[in-house]
Amino acid sequence: MEKRFKKVVTNPDTGRKKTVKYGQAGKAANGGDRIRPGTAKGDAYCARSNAIKGDWRSDKNSPNSLSRKKWRCSGSKSMK
């Protein structure tokens, strides 16, 4: 299945475009959005994604950074 969200990022130096796909595919069982900021599920996601290794913190267009922005993560907590 395809990722749920995508963002087209342009490299300012070369002008090349890159599509970054992120997020879990599909919708929730009730047809709504899987992303629910400010809930216990959101806190669990933020804590889990905060522990991911790598240099995603320095790249605001990495899939992990974009997903954390959707969940409104601040550290290990999801804000309302």
PDB file of N, CA and C in Angstrom:
ATOM      1  N   MET A   1       0.821  -1.202   0.000  1.00  0.00           N
ATOM      2  CA  MET A   1       0.000   0.000   0.000  1.00  0.00           C
ATOM      3  C   MET A   1       0.861   1.260   0.000  1.00  0.00           C
ATOM      4  N   GLU A   2       0.333   2.285  -0.541  1.00  0.00           N
ATOM      5  CA  GLU A   2       1.016   3.586  -0.647  1.00  0.00           C
ATOM      6  C   GLU A   2       0.992   4.304   0.701  1.00  0.00           C
ATOM      7  N   LYS A   3       1.987   5.122   0.961  1.00  0.00           N
ATOM      8  CA  LYS A   3       1.985   5.957   2.164  1.00  0.00           C
ATOM      9  C   LYS A   3       0.826   6.954   2.094  1.00  0.00           C
ATOM     10  N   ARG A   4       0.397   7.438   3.245  1.00  0.00           N
ATOM     11  CA  ARG A   4      -0.804   8.280   3.294  1.00  0.00           C
ATOM     12  C   ARG A   4      -0.545   9.716   2.847  1.00  0.00           C
ATOM     13  N   PHE A   5       0.612  10.271   3.185  1.00  0.00           N
ATOM     14  CA  PHE A   5       0.915  11.669   2.880  1.00  0.00           C
ATOM     15  C   PHE A   5       2.167  11.766   2.025  1.00  0.00           C
ATOM     16  N   LYS A   6       2.301  12.872   1.307  1.00  0.00           N
ATOM     17  CA  LYS A   6       3.531  13.133   0.569  1.00  0.00           C
ATOM     18  C   LYS A   6       3.774  14.631   0.510  1.00  0.00           C
ATOM     19  N   LYS A   7       5.042  14.986   0.410  1.00  0.00           N
ATOM     20  CA  LYS A   7       5.449  16.384   0.324  1.00  0.00           C
ATOM     21  C   LYS A   7       6.512  16.494  -0.750  1.00  0.00           C
ATOM     22  N   VAL A   8       6.354  17.443  -1.667  1.00  0.00           N
ATOM     23  CA  VAL A   8       7.341  17.664  -2.712  1.00  0.00           C
ATOM     24  C   VAL A   8       8.339  18.701  -2.194  1.00  0.00           C
ATOM     25  N   VAL A   9       9.608  18.320  -2.147  1.00  0.00           N
ATOM     26  CA  VAL A   9      10.667  19.166  -1.613  1.00  0.00           C
ATOM     27  C   VAL A   9      11.575  19.590  -2.757  1.00  0.00           C
ATOM     28  N   THR A  10      11.859  20.886  -2.851  1.00  0.00           N
ATOM     29  CA  THR A  10      12.747  21.412  -3.885  1.00  0.00           C
ATOM     30  C   THR A  10      14.103  21.744  -3.275  1.00  0.00           C
ATOM     31  N   ASN A  11      15.164  21.262  -3.905  1.00  0.00           N
ATOM     32  CA  ASN A  11      16.517  21.578  -3.472  1.00  0.00           C
ATOM     33  C   ASN A  11      16.824  23.011  -3.919  1.00  0.00           C
ATOM     34  N   PRO A  12      17.099  23.925  -2.980  1.00  0.00           N
ATOM     35  CA  PRO A  12      17.313  25.324  -3.351  1.00  0.00           C
ATOM     36  C   PRO A  12      18.555  25.550  -4.224  1.00  0.00           C
ATOM     37  N   ASP A  13      19.549  24.666  -4.121  1.00  0.00           N
ATOM     38  CA  ASP A  13      20.774  24.834  -4.899  1.00  0.00           C
ATOM     39  C   ASP A  13      20.605  24.384  -6.349  1.00  0.00           C
ATOM     40  N   THR A  14      19.997  23.205  -6.546  1.00  0.00           N
ATOM     41  CA  THR A  14      19.904  22.634  -7.886  1.00  0.00           C
ATOM     42  C   THR A  14      18.532  22.810  -8.519  1.00  0.00           C
ATOM     43  N   GLY A  15      17.509  23.045  -7.700  1.00  0.00           N
ATOM     44  CA  GLY A  15      16.154  23.174  -8.224  1.00  0.00           C
ATOM     45  C   GLY A  15      15.481  21.837  -8.465  1.00  0.00           C
ATOM     46  N   ARG A  16      16.156  20.738  -8.116  1.00  0.00           N
ATOM     47  CA  ARG A  16      15.570  19.410  -8.295  1.00  0.00           C
ATOM     48  C   ARG A  16      14.480  19.171  -7.263  1.00  0.00           C
ATOM     49  N   LYS A  17      13.442  18.475  -7.698  1.00  0.00           N
ATOM     50  CA  LYS A  17      12.325  18.164  -6.808  1.00  0.00           C
ATOM     51  C   LYS A  17      12.395  16.706  -6.381  1.00  0.00           C
ATOM     52  N   LYS A  18      12.039  16.452  -5.117  1.00  0.00           N
ATOM     53  CA  LYS A  18      12.025  15.099  -4.568  1.00  0.00           C
ATOM     54  C   LYS A  18      10.725  14.942  -3.796  1.00  0.00           C
ATOM     55  N   THR A  19      10.024  13.839  -3.986  1.00  0.00           N
ATOM     56  CA  THR A  19       8.797  13.590  -3.249  1.00  0.00           C
ATOM     57  C   THR A  19       9.118  12.732  -2.044  1.00  0.00           C
ATOM     58  N   VAL A  20       8.768  13.229  -0.846  1.00  0.00           N
ATOM     59  CA  VAL A  20       8.971  12.491   0.393  1.00  0.00           C
ATOM     60  C   VAL A  20       7.621  11.929   0.803  1.00  0.00           C
ATOM     61  N   LYS A  21       7.525  10.599   0.873  1.00  0.00           N
ATOM     62  CA  LYS A  21       6.283   9.944   1.278  1.00  0.00           C
ATOM     63  C   LYS A  21       6.426   9.506   2.722  1.00  0.00           C
ATOM     64  N   TYR A  22       5.361   9.715   3.515  1.00  0.00           N
ATOM     65  CA  TYR A  22       5.436   9.395   4.934  1.00  0.00           C
ATOM     66  C   TYR A  22       4.047   9.097   5.475  1.00  0.00           C
ATOM     67  N   GLY A  23       3.989   8.520   6.658  1.00  0.00           N
ATOM     68  CA  GLY A  23       2.718   8.223   7.317  1.00  0.00           C
ATOM     69  C   GLY A  23       2.217   6.833   6.985  1.00  0.00           C
ATOM     70  N   GLN A  24       1.437   6.291   7.903  1.00  0.00           N
ATOM     71  CA  GLN A  24       0.869   4.965   7.716  1.00  0.00           C
ATOM     72  C   GLN A  24      -0.217   5.019   6.645  1.00  0.00           C
ATOM     73  N   ALA A  25      -0.292   4.006   5.815  1.00  0.00           N
ATOM     74  CA  ALA A  25      -1.272   3.984   4.728  1.00  0.00           C
ATOM     75  C   ALA A  25      -2.680   3.763   5.274  1.00  0.00           C
ATOM     76  N   GLY A  26      -3.650   4.265   4.547  1.00  0.00           N
ATOM     77  CA  GLY A  26      -5.045   3.997   4.871  1.00  0.00           C
ATOM     78  C   GLY A  26      -5.604   4.862   5.979  1.00  0.00           C
ATOM     79  N   LYS A  27      -6.847   4.555   6.344  1.00  0.00           N
ATOM     80  CA  LYS A  27      -7.549   5.287   7.391  1.00  0.00           C
ATOM     81  C   LYS A  27      -7.833   4.353   8.550  1.00  0.00           C
ATOM     82  N   ALA A  28      -8.342   4.897   9.643  1.00  0.00           N
ATOM     83  CA  ALA A  28      -8.699   4.089  10.806  1.00  0.00           C
ATOM     84  C   ALA A  28      -9.954   3.270  10.493  1.00  0.00           C
ATOM     85  N   ALA A  29     -10.284   2.333  11.360  1.00  0.00           N
ATOM     86  CA  ALA A  29     -11.420   1.441  11.141  1.00  0.00           C
ATOM     87  C   ALA A  29     -12.744   2.203  11.005  1.00  0.00           C
ATOM     88  N   ASN A  30     -12.866   3.314  11.720  1.00  0.00           N
ATOM     89  CA  ASN A  30     -14.109   4.091  11.656  1.00  0.00           C
ATOM     90  C   ASN A  30     -14.123   5.063  10.476  1.00  0.00           C
ATOM     91  N   GLY A  31     -13.116   5.014   9.633  1.00  0.00           N
ATOM     92  CA  GLY A  31     -13.049   5.891   8.467  1.00  0.00           C
ATOM     93  C   GLY A  31     -12.378   7.221   8.738  1.00  0.00           C
ATOM     94  N   GLY A  32     -12.023   7.483  10.004  1.00  0.00           N
ATOM     95  CA  GLY A  32     -11.375   8.738  10.368  1.00  0.00           C
ATOM     96  C   GLY A  32      -9.872   8.676  10.184  1.00  0.00           C
ATOM     97  N   ASP A  33      -9.204   9.680  10.709  1.00  0.00           N
ATOM     98  CA  ASP A  33      -7.756   9.766  10.592  1.00  0.00           C
ATOM     99  C   ASP A  33      -7.098   8.970  11.713  1.00  0.00           C
ATOM    100  N   ARG A  34      -5.986   8.307  11.397  1.00  0.00           N
ATOM    101  CA  ARG A  34      -5.246   7.563  12.422  1.00  0.00           C
ATOM    102  C   ARG A  34      -4.527   8.512  13.389  1.00  0.00           C
ATOM    103  N   ILE A  35      -4.232   9.705  12.913  1.00  0.00           N
ATOM    104  CA  ILE A  35      -3.443  10.647  13.707  1.00  0.00           C
ATOM    105  C   ILE A  35      -4.356  11.377  14.681  1.00  0.00           C
ATOM    106  N   ARG A  36      -4.108  11.173  15.988  1.00  0.00           N
ATOM    107  CA  ARG A  36      -4.908  11.826  17.023  1.00  0.00           C
ATOM    108  C   ARG A  36      -3.971  12.484  18.038  1.00  0.00           C
ATOM    109  N   PRO A  37      -3.547  13.720  17.761  1.00  0.00           N
ATOM    110  CA  PRO A  37      -2.628  14.401  18.681  1.00  0.00           C
ATOM    111  C   PRO A  37      -3.271  14.641  20.042  1.00  0.00           C
ATOM    112  N   GLY A  38      -2.451  14.656  21.077  1.00  0.00           N
ATOM    113  CA  GLY A  38      -2.928  14.968  22.411  1.00  0.00           C
ATOM    114  C   GLY A  38      -3.566  13.796  23.126  1.00  0.00           C
ATOM    115  N   THR A  39      -3.444  12.583  22.591  1.00  0.00           N
ATOM    116  CA  THR A  39      -4.020  11.399  23.230  1.00  0.00           C
ATOM    117  C   THR A  39      -2.889  10.501  23.729  1.00  0.00           C
ATOM    118  N   ALA A  40      -3.265   9.443  24.434  1.00  0.00           N
ATOM    119  CA  ALA A  40      -2.272   8.479  24.906  1.00  0.00           C
ATOM    120  C   ALA A  40      -1.583   7.817  23.711  1.00  0.00           C
ATOM    121  N   LYS A  41      -2.333   7.563  22.653  1.00  0.00           N
ATOM    122  CA  LYS A  41      -1.758   6.988  21.439  1.00  0.00           C
ATOM    123  C   LYS A  41      -0.726   7.949  20.836  1.00  0.00           C
ATOM    124  N   GLY A  42      -1.033   9.236  20.877  1.00  0.00           N
ATOM    125  CA  GLY A  42      -0.103  10.241  20.376  1.00  0.00           C
ATOM    126  C   GLY A  42       1.168  10.296  21.196  1.00  0.00           C
ATOM    127  N   ASP A  43       1.020  10.224  22.525  1.00  0.00           N
ATOM    128  CA  ASP A  43       2.199  10.228  23.405  1.00  0.00           C
ATOM    129  C   ASP A  43       3.079   9.008  23.130  1.00  0.00           C
ATOM    130  N   ALA A  44       2.438   7.851  22.909  1.00  0.00           N
ATOM    131  CA  ALA A  44       3.197   6.625  22.632  1.00  0.00           C
ATOM    132  C   ALA A  44       3.958   6.766  21.317  1.00  0.00           C
ATOM    133  N   TYR A  45       3.300   7.331  20.297  1.00  0.00           N
ATOM    134  CA  TYR A  45       3.961   7.516  19.002  1.00  0.00           C
ATOM    135  C   TYR A  45       5.155   8.465  19.143  1.00  0.00           C
ATOM    136  N   CYS A  46       4.954   9.578  19.839  1.00  0.00           N
ATOM    137  CA  CYS A  46       6.021  10.575  19.971  1.00  0.00           C
ATOM    138  C   CYS A  46       7.224  10.010  20.727  1.00  0.00           C
ATOM    139  N   ALA A  47       6.952   9.238  21.781  1.00  0.00           N
ATOM    140  CA  ALA A  47       8.044   8.637  22.539  1.00  0.00           C
ATOM    141  C   ALA A  47       8.817   7.647  21.672  1.00  0.00           C
ATOM    142  N   ARG A  48       8.082   6.863  20.890  1.00  0.00           N
ATOM    143  CA  ARG A  48       8.697   5.860  20.032  1.00  0.00           C
ATOM    144  C   ARG A  48       9.514   6.512  18.912  1.00  0.00           C
ATOM    145  N   SER A  49       8.939   7.510  18.264  1.00  0.00           N
ATOM    146  CA  SER A  49       9.622   8.136  17.127  1.00  0.00           C
ATOM    147  C   SER A  49      10.778   9.026  17.580  1.00  0.00           C
ATOM    148  N   ASN A  50      10.736   9.494  18.822  1.00  0.00           N
ATOM    149  CA  ASN A  50      11.813  10.322  19.354  1.00  0.00           C
ATOM    150  C   ASN A  50      13.085   9.500  19.558  1.00  0.00           C
ATOM    151  N   ALA A  51      12.926   8.179  19.758  1.00  0.00           N
ATOM    152  CA  ALA A  51      14.064   7.306  20.033  1.00  0.00           C
ATOM    153  C   ALA A  51      14.707   6.758  18.760  1.00  0.00           C
ATOM    154  N   ILE A  52      14.163   7.093  17.587  1.00  0.00           N
ATOM    155  CA  ILE A  52      14.719   6.600  16.326  1.00  0.00           C
ATOM    156  C   ILE A  52      16.105   7.206  16.106  1.00  0.00           C
ATOM    157  N   LYS A  53      17.053   6.337  15.775  1.00  0.00           N
ATOM    158  CA  LYS A  53      18.424   6.803  15.568  1.00  0.00           C
ATOM    159  C   LYS A  53      18.556   7.443  14.187  1.00  0.00           C
ATOM    160  N   GLY A  54      19.628   8.170  14.010  1.00  0.00           N
ATOM    161  CA  GLY A  54      19.894   8.809  12.726  1.00  0.00           C
ATOM    162  C   GLY A  54      19.872  10.325  12.861  1.00  0.00           C
ATOM    163  N   ASP A  55      20.027  11.004  11.730  1.00  0.00           N
ATOM    164  CA  ASP A  55      20.107  12.471  11.770  1.00  0.00           C
ATOM    165  C   ASP A  55      18.815  13.120  11.291  1.00  0.00           C
ATOM    166  N   TRP A  56      17.668  12.497  11.596  1.00  0.00           N
ATOM    167  CA  TRP A  56      16.384  13.054  11.163  1.00  0.00           C
ATOM    168  C   TRP A  56      16.094  14.403  11.812  1.00  0.00           C
ATOM    169  N   ARG A  57      16.711  14.684  12.955  1.00  0.00           N
ATOM    170  CA  ARG A  57      16.470  15.979  13.633  1.00  0.00           C
ATOM    171  C   ARG A  57      17.009  17.153  12.821  1.00  0.00           C
ATOM    172  N   SER A  58      18.080  16.914  12.068  1.00  0.00           N
ATOM    173  CA  SER A  58      18.687  18.000  11.290  1.00  0.00           C
ATOM    174  C   SER A  58      17.993  18.205   9.940  1.00  0.00           C
ATOM    175  N   ASP A  59      17.134  17.256   9.543  1.00  0.00           N
ATOM    176  CA  ASP A  59      16.432  17.352   8.254  1.00  0.00           C
ATOM    177  C   ASP A  59      14.934  17.477   8.509  1.00  0.00           C
ATOM    178  N   LYS A  60      14.393  18.691   8.350  1.00  0.00           N
ATOM    179  CA  LYS A  60      12.972  18.906   8.647  1.00  0.00           C
ATOM    180  C   LYS A  60      12.058  18.238   7.633  1.00  0.00           C
ATOM    181  N   ASN A  61      12.622  17.765   6.519  1.00  0.00           N
ATOM    182  CA  ASN A  61      11.827  17.088   5.504  1.00  0.00           C
ATOM    183  C   ASN A  61      12.022  15.574   5.504  1.00  0.00           C
ATOM    184  N   SER A  62      12.584  15.028   6.584  1.00  0.00           N
ATOM    185  CA  SER A  62      12.689  13.570   6.678  1.00  0.00           C
ATOM    186  C   SER A  62      11.307  13.010   7.013  1.00  0.00           C
ATOM    187  N   PRO A  63      11.021  11.774   6.604  1.00  0.00           N
ATOM    188  CA  PRO A  63       9.710  11.201   6.905  1.00  0.00           C
ATOM    189  C   PRO A  63       9.371  11.208   8.393  1.00  0.00           C
ATOM    190  N   ASN A  64      10.355  10.937   9.245  1.00  0.00           N
ATOM    191  CA  ASN A  64      10.093  10.927  10.688  1.00  0.00           C
ATOM    192  C   ASN A  64       9.751  12.331  11.194  1.00  0.00           C
ATOM    193  N   SER A  65      10.471  13.344  10.737  1.00  0.00           N
ATOM    194  CA  SER A  65      10.195  14.721  11.158  1.00  0.00           C
ATOM    195  C   SER A  65       8.818  15.170  10.691  1.00  0.00           C
ATOM    196  N   LEU A  66       8.459  14.833   9.461  1.00  0.00           N
ATOM    197  CA  LEU A  66       7.154  15.228   8.928  1.00  0.00           C
ATOM    198  C   LEU A  66       6.020  14.537   9.682  1.00  0.00           C
ATOM    199  N   SER A  67       6.198  13.258  10.010  1.00  0.00           N
ATOM    200  CA  SER A  67       5.176  12.534  10.775  1.00  0.00           C
ATOM    201  C   SER A  67       5.036  13.106  12.177  1.00  0.00           C
ATOM    202  N   ARG A  68       6.178  13.420  12.802  1.00  0.00           N
ATOM    203  CA  ARG A  68       6.136  13.990  14.151  1.00  0.00           C
ATOM    204  C   ARG A  68       5.444  15.353  14.144  1.00  0.00           C
ATOM    205  N   LYS A  69       5.588  16.105  13.067  1.00  0.00           N
ATOM    206  CA  LYS A  69       4.911  17.396  12.959  1.00  0.00           C
ATOM    207  C   LYS A  69       3.393  17.195  12.884  1.00  0.00           C
ATOM    208  N   LYS A  70       2.952  16.179  12.139  1.00  0.00           N
ATOM    209  CA  LYS A  70       1.516  15.874  12.034  1.00  0.00           C
ATOM    210  C   LYS A  70       0.939  15.463  13.389  1.00  0.00           C
ATOM    211  N   TRP A  71       1.724  14.719  14.158  1.00  0.00           N
ATOM    212  CA  TRP A  71       1.280  14.276  15.485  1.00  0.00           C
ATOM    213  C   TRP A  71       1.453  15.380  16.529  1.00  0.00           C
ATOM    214  N   ARG A  72       2.036  16.510  16.155  1.00  0.00           N
ATOM    215  CA  ARG A  72       2.315  17.645  17.039  1.00  0.00           C
ATOM    216  C   ARG A  72       3.177  17.223  18.227  1.00  0.00           C
ATOM    217  N   CYS A  73       4.273  16.539  17.903  1.00  0.00           N
ATOM    218  CA  CYS A  73       5.175  16.046  18.939  1.00  0.00           C
ATOM    219  C   CYS A  73       6.087  17.155  19.454  1.00  0.00           C
ATOM    220  N   SER A  74       6.231  17.184  20.758  1.00  0.00           N
ATOM    221  CA  SER A  74       7.214  18.044  21.402  1.00  0.00           C
ATOM    222  C   SER A  74       7.981  17.151  22.358  1.00  0.00           C
ATOM    223  N   GLY A  75       9.159  16.716  21.951  1.00  0.00           N
ATOM    224  CA  GLY A  75       9.897  15.728  22.733  1.00  0.00           C
ATOM    225  C   GLY A  75       9.156  14.407  22.664  1.00  0.00           C
ATOM    226  N   SER A  76       8.820  13.856  23.832  1.00  0.00           N
ATOM    227  CA  SER A  76       8.124  12.570  23.886  1.00  0.00           C
ATOM    228  C   SER A  76       6.636  12.730  24.117  1.00  0.00           C
ATOM    229  N   LYS A  77       6.117  13.947  24.033  1.00  0.00           N
ATOM    230  CA  LYS A  77       4.696  14.189  24.285  1.00  0.00           C
ATOM    231  C   LYS A  77       4.026  14.713  23.023  1.00  0.00           C
ATOM    232  N   SER A  78       2.744  14.367  22.874  1.00  0.00           N
ATOM    233  CA  SER A  78       1.937  14.846  21.766  1.00  0.00           C
ATOM    234  C   SER A  78       1.027  15.960  22.310  1.00  0.00           C
ATOM    235  N   MET A  79       1.129  17.146  21.717  1.00  0.00           N
ATOM    236  CA  MET A  79       0.372  18.295  22.202  1.00  0.00           C
ATOM    237  C   MET A  79      -0.985  18.397  21.513  1.00  0.00           C
ATOM    238  N   LYS A  80      -1.947  18.927  22.198  1.00  0.00           N
ATOM    239  CA  LYS A  80      -3.292  19.095  21.639  1.00  0.00           C
ATOM    240  C   LYS A  80      -3.324  20.233  20.651  1.00  0.00           C
TER     241      LYS A  80
END
